[in-house]
Amino acid sequence: MSQESAQYDASHIEVLEGLAAVRRRPGMYLGSVSERGLHQLVFEVGNQAVNEVLGGRASRVEITLIPDGGVRVAIDGPGVPFEDAADLAGPGLGAQLTQIFGGHGTLGRDAALVGRLHVGLFVATALSGRLTAEVRRDGVLEIREFARGMAVAPPAGPGPVDDSGTVITFWPDADIFETTEVSFDTLVDRFRELAFLNRSLDILLSDERRSDDPRSVRCRFPGGARDFVAFLDQRAGACVDSEVIGFEREDERMAGTTEVAFRWRAAGEEHVLAFAHSRPTLAASTHDLGFRAGVATAVNAHARERRWLTAADHDLQASQILEGLTAVVSVKLDHPEFEGATRGTLGNAVVRTCVEEATREHLGRWLREHPQQVEAILRRMHP
């Protein structure tokens, strides 16, 4: 052992606590400090606001890119108190802004945003050059301000107010990020996706950075996954063979819910999107595998029932059946089991069985009730 090694002890270890740790290693919390990490920072603040709506504590989220480079995220409702309160499901806003993991909720099915990088509001406090949190609650306005993770003044209460709600405005720190130019289109893509997967959401996104070209997009889709499939096909300019087929089911065996929507296009490769708690998952996830198996089983059974396939014929291959299929498969569970460090794969084994059964039963009924549409679909699969 070298003399240098022999002298190494606990005094040589630097312990970083709280927000200082985030500023020293921002990539550990956001994945990177590139444009991708910048947008993840916005998603973290937006996701927390979305969870307030999903938890029934607000009805609308407004996300605005303001002219001076800041991002404003506002929700209505009674206002999230800075300190813990009896009506707050989790820590108060002050803890969420200043404590690591202070913004985490449960992993239950109502916590729709338990994805790979959902780390909470504290990253915005740590990695913003400036952050202001305003709460209008019980007729009182309270404001707290931070600069690079540090409180810059005691909490302020300018006076009484008539409205209520919570507003967080932050300016990403140019000393941390490679760029602070937020892409409006990137925000629209992600929050529109969330609105498709959670039909109770109402999200308004606005870009006020250019006075000569302001933009605004409202994301609200009462049709849920059905609307998502229709949107995907419309954006692709696809010709379709069928109406959108969709169903929702709650299953005690998997302690969760499944929402599925799909339809066949006249041509093209399969386009199957799978989500667990509103976050994209990989193809090896159990709900994705269950959906594919359910579709294949239902189609082959119907093809044999209608004598499109004889006893001598082999079953249609999954690649034949799924060709041209647009699908959205979304599950929310009380106890999700994600695999791997990135948590991109859902591993609950029982989910595959439940999703496969639900898909097979619902599609089987639809195939029997729509013979004309089915004939066109089967003819393409089995000329």
Protein backbone atom coordinates (compact mmCIF):
# COMPACT_ATOMS: atom_id res chain seq x y z
CA MET A 1 0.00 0.00 0.00
CA SER A 2 1.41 3.38 -0.97
CA GLN A 3 1.95 6.14 1.56
CA GLU A 4 -0.74 8.21 -0.21
CA SER A 5 -3.24 5.36 0.13
CA ALA A 6 -2.36 4.83 3.77
CA GLN A 7 -3.12 8.48 4.53
CA TYR A 8 -6.56 8.33 2.87
CA ASP A 9 -9.32 8.49 5.49
CA ALA A 10 -12.78 9.94 6.05
CA SER A 11 -11.42 13.47 6.08
CA HIS A 12 -10.72 13.14 2.34
CA ILE A 13 -14.37 12.43 1.51
CA GLU A 14 -16.43 15.41 0.44
CA VAL A 15 -20.06 15.01 1.45
CA LEU A 16 -22.46 17.05 -0.65
CA GLU A 17 -25.87 17.59 0.84
CA GLY A 18 -29.17 18.82 -0.51
CA LEU A 19 -29.26 21.16 -3.48
CA ALA A 20 -25.46 21.50 -3.59
CA ALA A 21 -25.26 17.88 -4.67
CA VAL A 22 -27.64 18.55 -7.55
CA ARG A 23 -25.59 21.51 -8.80
CA ARG A 24 -22.36 19.53 -8.60
CA ARG A 25 -23.76 16.53 -10.53
CA PRO A 26 -26.79 17.78 -12.50
CA GLY A 27 -26.56 14.96 -15.03
CA MET A 28 -27.34 12.42 -12.31
CA TYR A 29 -30.76 14.02 -11.86
CA LEU A 30 -31.70 15.08 -15.39
CA GLY A 31 -29.73 12.67 -17.54
CA SER A 32 -27.62 15.43 -19.09
CA VAL A 33 -27.11 19.20 -19.20
CA SER A 34 -27.75 19.32 -22.94
CA GLU A 35 -31.01 20.34 -24.57
CA ARG A 36 -32.46 17.00 -23.47
CA GLY A 37 -31.69 17.75 -19.82
CA LEU A 38 -33.10 21.25 -20.16
CA HIS A 39 -36.44 19.87 -21.33
CA GLN A 40 -36.41 17.26 -18.59
CA LEU A 41 -36.12 20.13 -16.11
CA VAL A 42 -39.30 21.66 -17.54
CA PHE A 43 -41.01 18.27 -17.49
CA GLU A 44 -40.21 17.87 -13.79
CA VAL A 45 -42.00 21.08 -12.88
CA GLY A 46 -44.84 20.41 -15.32
CA ASN A 47 -45.28 16.85 -14.10
CA GLN A 48 -45.70 18.02 -10.54
CA ALA A 49 -48.45 20.38 -11.69
CA VAL A 50 -50.09 17.59 -13.68
CA ASN A 51 -50.10 15.37 -10.60
CA GLU A 52 -52.02 18.05 -8.73
CA VAL A 53 -54.74 17.81 -11.38
CA LEU A 54 -54.73 14.01 -11.38
CA GLY A 55 -55.00 14.08 -7.60
CA GLY A 56 -58.12 16.24 -7.82
CA ARG A 57 -56.48 19.30 -6.25
CA ALA A 58 -56.56 21.40 -9.44
CA SER A 59 -58.37 21.37 -12.78
CA ARG A 60 -56.00 23.00 -15.24
CA VAL A 61 -52.29 23.44 -15.95
CA GLU A 62 -50.87 26.42 -17.83
CA ILE A 63 -47.26 26.31 -19.04
CA THR A 64 -45.88 29.48 -20.61
CA LEU A 65 -42.53 30.35 -22.17
CA ILE A 66 -42.11 34.02 -21.30
CA PRO A 67 -40.10 36.65 -23.23
CA ASP A 68 -37.14 36.90 -20.84
CA GLY A 69 -36.33 33.17 -21.12
CA GLY A 70 -38.27 31.97 -18.11
CA VAL A 71 -40.83 29.20 -17.84
CA ARG A 72 -44.05 29.78 -15.91
CA VAL A 73 -46.09 26.80 -14.66
CA ALA A 74 -49.44 27.64 -13.08
CA ILE A 75 -52.33 25.62 -11.69
CA ASP A 76 -55.68 26.65 -10.29
CA GLY A 77 -57.22 25.12 -7.20
CA PRO A 78 -56.88 26.22 -3.58
CA GLY A 79 -53.12 26.78 -3.78
CA VAL A 80 -50.45 24.35 -2.59
CA PRO A 81 -49.38 25.43 0.94
CA PHE A 82 -45.68 25.95 1.53
CA GLU A 83 -45.86 23.98 4.76
CA ASP A 84 -47.45 20.58 5.32
CA ALA A 85 -51.23 20.69 5.60
CA ALA A 86 -53.97 18.18 6.34
CA ASP A 87 -55.44 18.50 2.84
CA LEU A 88 -52.11 18.02 1.05
CA ALA A 89 -51.25 14.54 -0.26
CA GLY A 90 -47.52 14.73 0.44
CA PRO A 91 -45.05 17.37 1.66
CA GLY A 92 -45.74 21.09 1.35
CA LEU A 93 -44.41 23.15 -1.53
CA GLY A 94 -41.47 24.40 0.52
CA ALA A 95 -40.24 20.85 1.09
CA GLN A 96 -40.83 19.92 -2.55
CA LEU A 97 -38.68 22.86 -3.67
CA THR A 98 -35.79 22.34 -1.26
CA GLN A 99 -35.57 18.67 -0.28
CA ILE A 100 -34.30 15.86 -2.45
CA PHE A 101 -37.16 13.49 -3.25
CA GLY A 102 -39.50 15.87 -1.42
CA GLY A 103 -41.77 15.90 -4.47
CA HIS A 104 -42.22 12.16 -4.76
CA GLY A 105 -45.63 10.66 -4.30
CA THR A 106 -46.63 7.03 -4.08
CA LEU A 107 -46.24 4.51 -6.88
CA GLY A 108 -49.97 3.81 -6.93
CA ARG A 109 -52.09 3.95 -10.05
CA ASP A 110 -53.09 7.58 -9.35
CA ALA A 111 -49.43 8.66 -9.48
CA ALA A 112 -49.42 8.65 -13.24
CA LEU A 113 -45.95 10.11 -13.69
CA VAL A 114 -43.69 7.66 -11.89
CA GLY A 115 -41.33 7.43 -14.83
CA ARG A 116 -37.64 6.95 -15.21
CA LEU A 117 -36.53 10.46 -14.29
CA HIS A 118 -39.33 11.86 -12.14
CA VAL A 119 -37.13 13.37 -9.41
CA GLY A 120 -39.16 16.34 -8.23
CA LEU A 121 -39.28 20.11 -8.03
CA PHE A 122 -36.03 20.47 -6.11
CA VAL A 123 -34.00 20.11 -9.32
CA ALA A 124 -35.61 23.30 -10.62
CA THR A 125 -34.65 25.16 -7.45
CA ALA A 126 -31.08 23.90 -7.66
CA LEU A 127 -30.53 24.34 -11.39
CA SER A 128 -32.29 27.64 -12.03
CA GLY A 129 -30.51 30.96 -11.96
CA ARG A 130 -33.70 32.24 -10.37
CA LEU A 131 -36.95 30.65 -9.24
CA THR A 132 -40.06 32.27 -7.80
CA ALA A 133 -42.92 30.34 -6.18
CA GLU A 134 -46.21 32.12 -5.58
CA VAL A 135 -49.15 30.66 -3.67
CA ARG A 136 -52.55 32.29 -3.44
CA ARG A 137 -54.43 30.50 -0.69
CA ASP A 138 -57.16 31.45 1.77
CA GLY A 139 -57.11 35.05 0.53
CA VAL A 140 -53.37 35.50 1.10
CA LEU A 141 -50.48 35.69 -1.38
CA GLU A 142 -47.16 34.20 -0.25
CA ILE A 143 -43.97 34.41 -2.33
CA ARG A 144 -40.62 32.68 -1.99
CA GLU A 145 -37.58 33.33 -4.18
CA PHE A 146 -34.44 31.31 -4.81
CA ALA A 147 -31.24 31.88 -6.76
CA ARG A 148 -29.11 28.86 -7.70
CA GLY A 149 -30.59 26.83 -4.88
CA MET A 150 -30.38 29.46 -2.16
CA ALA A 151 -33.27 31.41 -0.67
CA VAL A 152 -32.66 35.07 -1.49
CA ALA A 153 -35.12 36.62 0.98
CA PRO A 154 -37.47 35.64 3.79
CA PRO A 155 -40.94 34.51 2.70
CA ALA A 156 -42.99 37.51 1.61
CA GLY A 157 -46.73 38.09 1.76
CA PRO A 158 -47.53 41.26 -0.22
CA GLY A 159 -51.17 41.31 0.77
CA PRO A 160 -54.67 39.90 0.36
CA VAL A 161 -55.87 38.40 -2.94
CA ASP A 162 -59.22 37.36 -4.33
CA ASP A 163 -58.13 34.33 -6.38
CA SER A 164 -56.24 31.12 -5.57
CA GLY A 165 -53.66 28.88 -7.19
CA THR A 166 -49.96 28.12 -7.45
CA VAL A 167 -47.41 29.59 -9.88
CA ILE A 168 -43.77 28.56 -10.25
CA THR A 169 -41.58 30.62 -12.58
CA PHE A 170 -37.98 29.65 -13.20
CA TRP A 171 -35.07 30.62 -15.39
CA PRO A 172 -32.71 27.68 -16.17
CA ASP A 173 -29.15 28.49 -15.14
CA ALA A 174 -26.97 29.29 -18.16
CA ASP A 175 -23.91 28.25 -16.10
CA ILE A 176 -25.34 24.71 -15.89
CA PHE A 177 -27.04 24.03 -19.21
CA GLU A 178 -25.45 24.04 -22.66
CA THR A 179 -28.50 25.93 -23.90
CA THR A 180 -31.44 27.59 -22.15
CA GLU A 181 -33.58 27.84 -25.31
CA VAL A 182 -36.63 25.67 -24.64
CA SER A 183 -38.33 24.09 -27.65
CA PHE A 184 -42.06 24.79 -27.62
CA ASP A 185 -42.70 21.86 -29.98
CA THR A 186 -40.91 19.46 -27.63
CA LEU A 187 -43.12 20.57 -24.75
CA VAL A 188 -46.25 20.19 -26.85
CA ASP A 189 -45.31 16.65 -27.89
CA ARG A 190 -44.85 15.44 -24.31
CA PHE A 191 -47.74 17.22 -22.60
CA ARG A 192 -50.11 16.35 -25.45
CA GLU A 193 -49.12 12.73 -24.88
CA LEU A 194 -49.94 13.07 -21.18
CA ALA A 195 -53.34 14.58 -22.00
CA PHE A 196 -54.15 11.66 -24.31
CA LEU A 197 -53.24 9.17 -21.57
CA ASN A 198 -55.11 11.00 -18.79
CA ARG A 199 -58.43 12.24 -20.10
CA SER A 200 -59.07 14.44 -17.05
CA LEU A 201 -56.13 16.69 -17.94
CA ASP A 202 -56.54 20.16 -19.41
CA ILE A 203 -53.16 21.67 -20.31
CA LEU A 204 -52.63 25.01 -22.03
CA LEU A 205 -49.17 25.62 -23.49
CA SER A 206 -48.20 29.11 -24.67
CA ASP A 207 -45.09 30.64 -26.22
CA GLU A 208 -44.85 34.41 -25.64
CA ARG A 209 -41.19 34.81 -26.52
CA ARG A 210 -41.92 36.44 -29.88
CA SER A 211 -44.48 39.22 -29.73
CA ASP A 212 -44.99 38.99 -33.49
CA ASP A 213 -45.63 35.23 -33.39
CA PRO A 214 -47.26 34.08 -30.13
CA ARG A 215 -48.38 30.45 -30.08
CA SER A 216 -50.84 28.55 -27.95
CA VAL A 217 -51.91 24.89 -27.89
CA ARG A 218 -54.59 23.38 -25.67
CA CYS A 219 -54.24 19.68 -24.82
CA ARG A 220 -57.50 18.11 -23.70
CA PHE A 221 -58.75 14.78 -25.04
CA PRO A 222 -61.88 13.30 -23.44
CA GLY A 223 -61.60 10.30 -25.77
CA GLY A 224 -58.32 9.20 -24.18
CA ALA A 225 -56.41 6.48 -26.02
CA ARG A 226 -58.99 6.42 -28.83
CA ASP A 227 -58.22 10.06 -29.57
CA PHE A 228 -54.50 9.23 -29.40
CA VAL A 229 -54.78 6.55 -32.10
CA ALA A 230 -56.86 8.83 -34.34
CA PHE A 231 -54.27 11.59 -33.90
CA LEU A 232 -51.35 9.29 -34.78
CA ASP A 233 -53.05 8.10 -37.98
CA GLN A 234 -54.10 11.59 -38.97
CA ARG A 235 -50.59 12.94 -38.45
CA ALA A 236 -49.21 10.11 -40.60
CA GLY A 237 -51.82 10.74 -43.30
CA ALA A 238 -52.82 7.09 -43.15
CA CYS A 239 -55.73 5.42 -44.91
CA VAL A 240 -57.51 3.19 -42.41
CA ASP A 241 -59.28 -0.16 -42.68
CA SER A 242 -61.42 0.11 -39.55
CA GLU A 243 -62.84 2.32 -36.85
CA VAL A 244 -60.83 2.80 -33.65
CA ILE A 245 -61.32 -0.22 -31.39
CA GLY A 246 -60.93 0.56 -27.71
CA PHE A 247 -61.66 -0.63 -24.21
CA GLU A 248 -60.84 -0.02 -20.57
CA ARG A 249 -60.74 -2.66 -17.87
CA GLU A 250 -59.91 -2.84 -14.19
CA ASP A 251 -58.51 -6.16 -13.02
CA GLU A 252 -57.99 -7.04 -9.36
CA ARG A 253 -55.42 -9.68 -10.30
CA MET A 254 -52.97 -7.03 -11.43
CA ALA A 255 -54.33 -4.37 -9.05
CA GLY A 256 -54.65 -1.87 -11.84
CA THR A 257 -56.35 -0.66 -14.97
CA THR A 258 -55.75 -1.15 -18.67
CA GLU A 259 -56.73 1.22 -21.47
CA VAL A 260 -56.21 0.04 -25.04
CA ALA A 261 -57.09 1.56 -28.42
CA PHE A 262 -56.06 0.38 -31.88
CA ARG A 263 -57.02 0.04 -35.53
CA TRP A 264 -55.59 -1.19 -38.80
CA ARG A 265 -54.34 1.08 -41.53
CA ALA A 266 -54.53 0.08 -45.18
CA ALA A 267 -50.75 -0.37 -45.30
CA GLY A 268 -47.54 0.27 -43.41
CA GLU A 269 -45.53 -1.07 -40.51
CA GLU A 270 -46.96 -1.61 -37.04
CA HIS A 271 -46.99 1.40 -34.73
CA VAL A 272 -47.59 0.18 -31.17
CA LEU A 273 -46.98 2.59 -28.28
CA ALA A 274 -46.99 1.19 -24.75
CA PHE A 275 -47.09 3.20 -21.51
CA ALA A 276 -46.94 2.40 -17.81
CA HIS A 277 -48.04 5.26 -15.56
CA SER A 278 -48.04 7.57 -18.58
CA ARG A 279 -44.36 6.98 -19.35
CA PRO A 280 -43.20 5.19 -22.52
CA THR A 281 -42.00 1.62 -22.01
CA LEU A 282 -39.95 -0.78 -24.09
CA ALA A 283 -41.38 -3.53 -26.29
CA ALA A 284 -40.36 -6.26 -23.83
CA SER A 285 -42.76 -4.91 -21.20
CA THR A 286 -45.44 -7.31 -20.06
CA HIS A 287 -48.41 -5.15 -21.08
CA ASP A 288 -47.01 -4.77 -24.60
CA LEU A 289 -46.40 -8.52 -24.92
CA GLY A 290 -49.88 -9.27 -23.59
CA PHE A 291 -51.54 -6.94 -26.09
CA ARG A 292 -49.69 -8.45 -29.05
CA ALA A 293 -50.54 -11.99 -27.96
CA GLY A 294 -54.20 -11.08 -27.42
CA VAL A 295 -54.55 -9.56 -30.90
CA ALA A 296 -52.87 -12.54 -32.57
CA THR A 297 -54.99 -15.10 -30.70
CA ALA A 298 -58.27 -13.31 -31.42
CA VAL A 299 -57.55 -12.83 -35.12
CA ASN A 300 -56.43 -16.44 -35.67
CA ALA A 301 -59.45 -17.80 -33.80
CA HIS A 302 -61.81 -15.68 -35.89
CA ALA A 303 -60.05 -16.59 -39.14
CA ARG A 304 -60.57 -20.27 -38.39
CA GLU A 305 -64.16 -19.73 -37.29
CA ARG A 306 -64.88 -17.99 -40.62
CA ARG A 307 -62.88 -20.62 -42.51
CA TRP A 308 -60.37 -18.13 -43.78
CA LEU A 309 -57.90 -20.61 -42.33
CA THR A 310 -58.45 -24.33 -42.78
CA ALA A 311 -57.25 -27.13 -40.53
CA ALA A 312 -54.28 -27.55 -42.85
CA ASP A 313 -53.23 -23.90 -42.64
CA HIS A 314 -50.73 -22.59 -40.13
CA ASP A 315 -51.78 -19.73 -37.87
CA LEU A 316 -51.14 -16.26 -39.19
CA GLN A 317 -47.84 -14.90 -37.88
CA ALA A 318 -47.84 -11.98 -35.49
CA SER A 319 -45.93 -9.92 -38.06
CA GLN A 320 -48.76 -10.45 -40.57
CA ILE A 321 -51.48 -9.58 -38.09
CA LEU A 322 -49.78 -6.51 -36.63
CA GLU A 323 -48.78 -5.07 -40.01
CA GLY A 324 -50.45 -1.69 -40.44
CA LEU A 325 -51.71 -1.64 -36.84
CA THR A 326 -51.70 1.62 -34.85
CA ALA A 327 -52.13 0.96 -31.13
CA VAL A 328 -51.84 2.61 -27.71
CA VAL A 329 -51.58 0.36 -24.65
CA SER A 330 -51.62 2.07 -21.25
CA VAL A 331 -51.59 0.51 -17.78
CA LYS A 332 -51.66 2.00 -14.29
CA LEU A 333 -50.94 -0.24 -11.33
CA ASP A 334 -50.97 -0.05 -7.56
CA HIS A 335 -47.60 -1.81 -7.43
CA PRO A 336 -45.62 -1.46 -10.68
CA GLU A 337 -42.38 -3.43 -11.00
CA PHE A 338 -39.94 -1.72 -13.34
CA GLU A 339 -36.81 -3.51 -14.52
CA GLY A 340 -33.34 -2.09 -15.09
CA ALA A 341 -31.67 1.13 -14.02
CA THR A 342 -33.67 3.23 -16.51
CA ARG A 343 -37.00 1.70 -15.41
CA GLY A 344 -38.06 1.45 -19.04
CA THR A 345 -39.48 -2.07 -18.86
CA LEU A 346 -42.55 -3.09 -16.88
CA GLY A 347 -42.03 -6.55 -15.43
CA ASN A 348 -45.24 -7.51 -13.57
CA ALA A 349 -45.87 -11.01 -14.94
CA VAL A 350 -49.60 -11.04 -14.18
CA VAL A 351 -50.07 -7.92 -16.32
CA ARG A 352 -49.30 -9.90 -19.46
CA THR A 353 -52.05 -12.41 -18.68
CA CYS A 354 -54.61 -9.73 -17.82
CA VAL A 355 -53.93 -7.55 -20.86
CA GLU A 356 -53.87 -10.57 -23.19
CA GLU A 357 -57.23 -11.84 -21.92
CA ALA A 358 -58.89 -8.43 -22.09
CA THR A 359 -57.59 -7.79 -25.62
CA ARG A 360 -58.60 -11.23 -26.87
CA GLU A 361 -62.12 -10.98 -25.47
CA HIS A 362 -62.82 -7.43 -26.64
CA LEU A 363 -61.32 -7.88 -30.10
CA GLY A 364 -63.08 -11.23 -30.50
CA ARG A 365 -66.46 -9.54 -29.97
CA TRP A 366 -65.58 -6.70 -32.31
CA LEU A 367 -64.54 -9.12 -35.07
CA ARG A 368 -67.87 -10.94 -34.84
CA GLU A 369 -69.88 -7.70 -34.89
CA HIS A 370 -68.13 -6.02 -37.87
CA PRO A 371 -67.93 -8.59 -40.68
CA GLN A 372 -67.43 -6.13 -43.54
CA GLN A 373 -64.47 -4.34 -41.92
CA VAL A 374 -63.04 -7.67 -40.82
CA GLU A 375 -63.16 -9.09 -44.33
CA ALA A 376 -60.96 -6.29 -45.65
CA ILE A 377 -58.50 -6.75 -42.80
CA LEU A 378 -58.27 -10.54 -43.13
CA ARG A 379 -57.98 -10.40 -46.92
CA ARG A 380 -54.90 -8.24 -46.58
CA MET A 381 -53.40 -10.56 -43.95
CA HIS A 382 -54.20 -13.75 -45.85
CA PRO A 383 -54.59 -13.00 -49.58
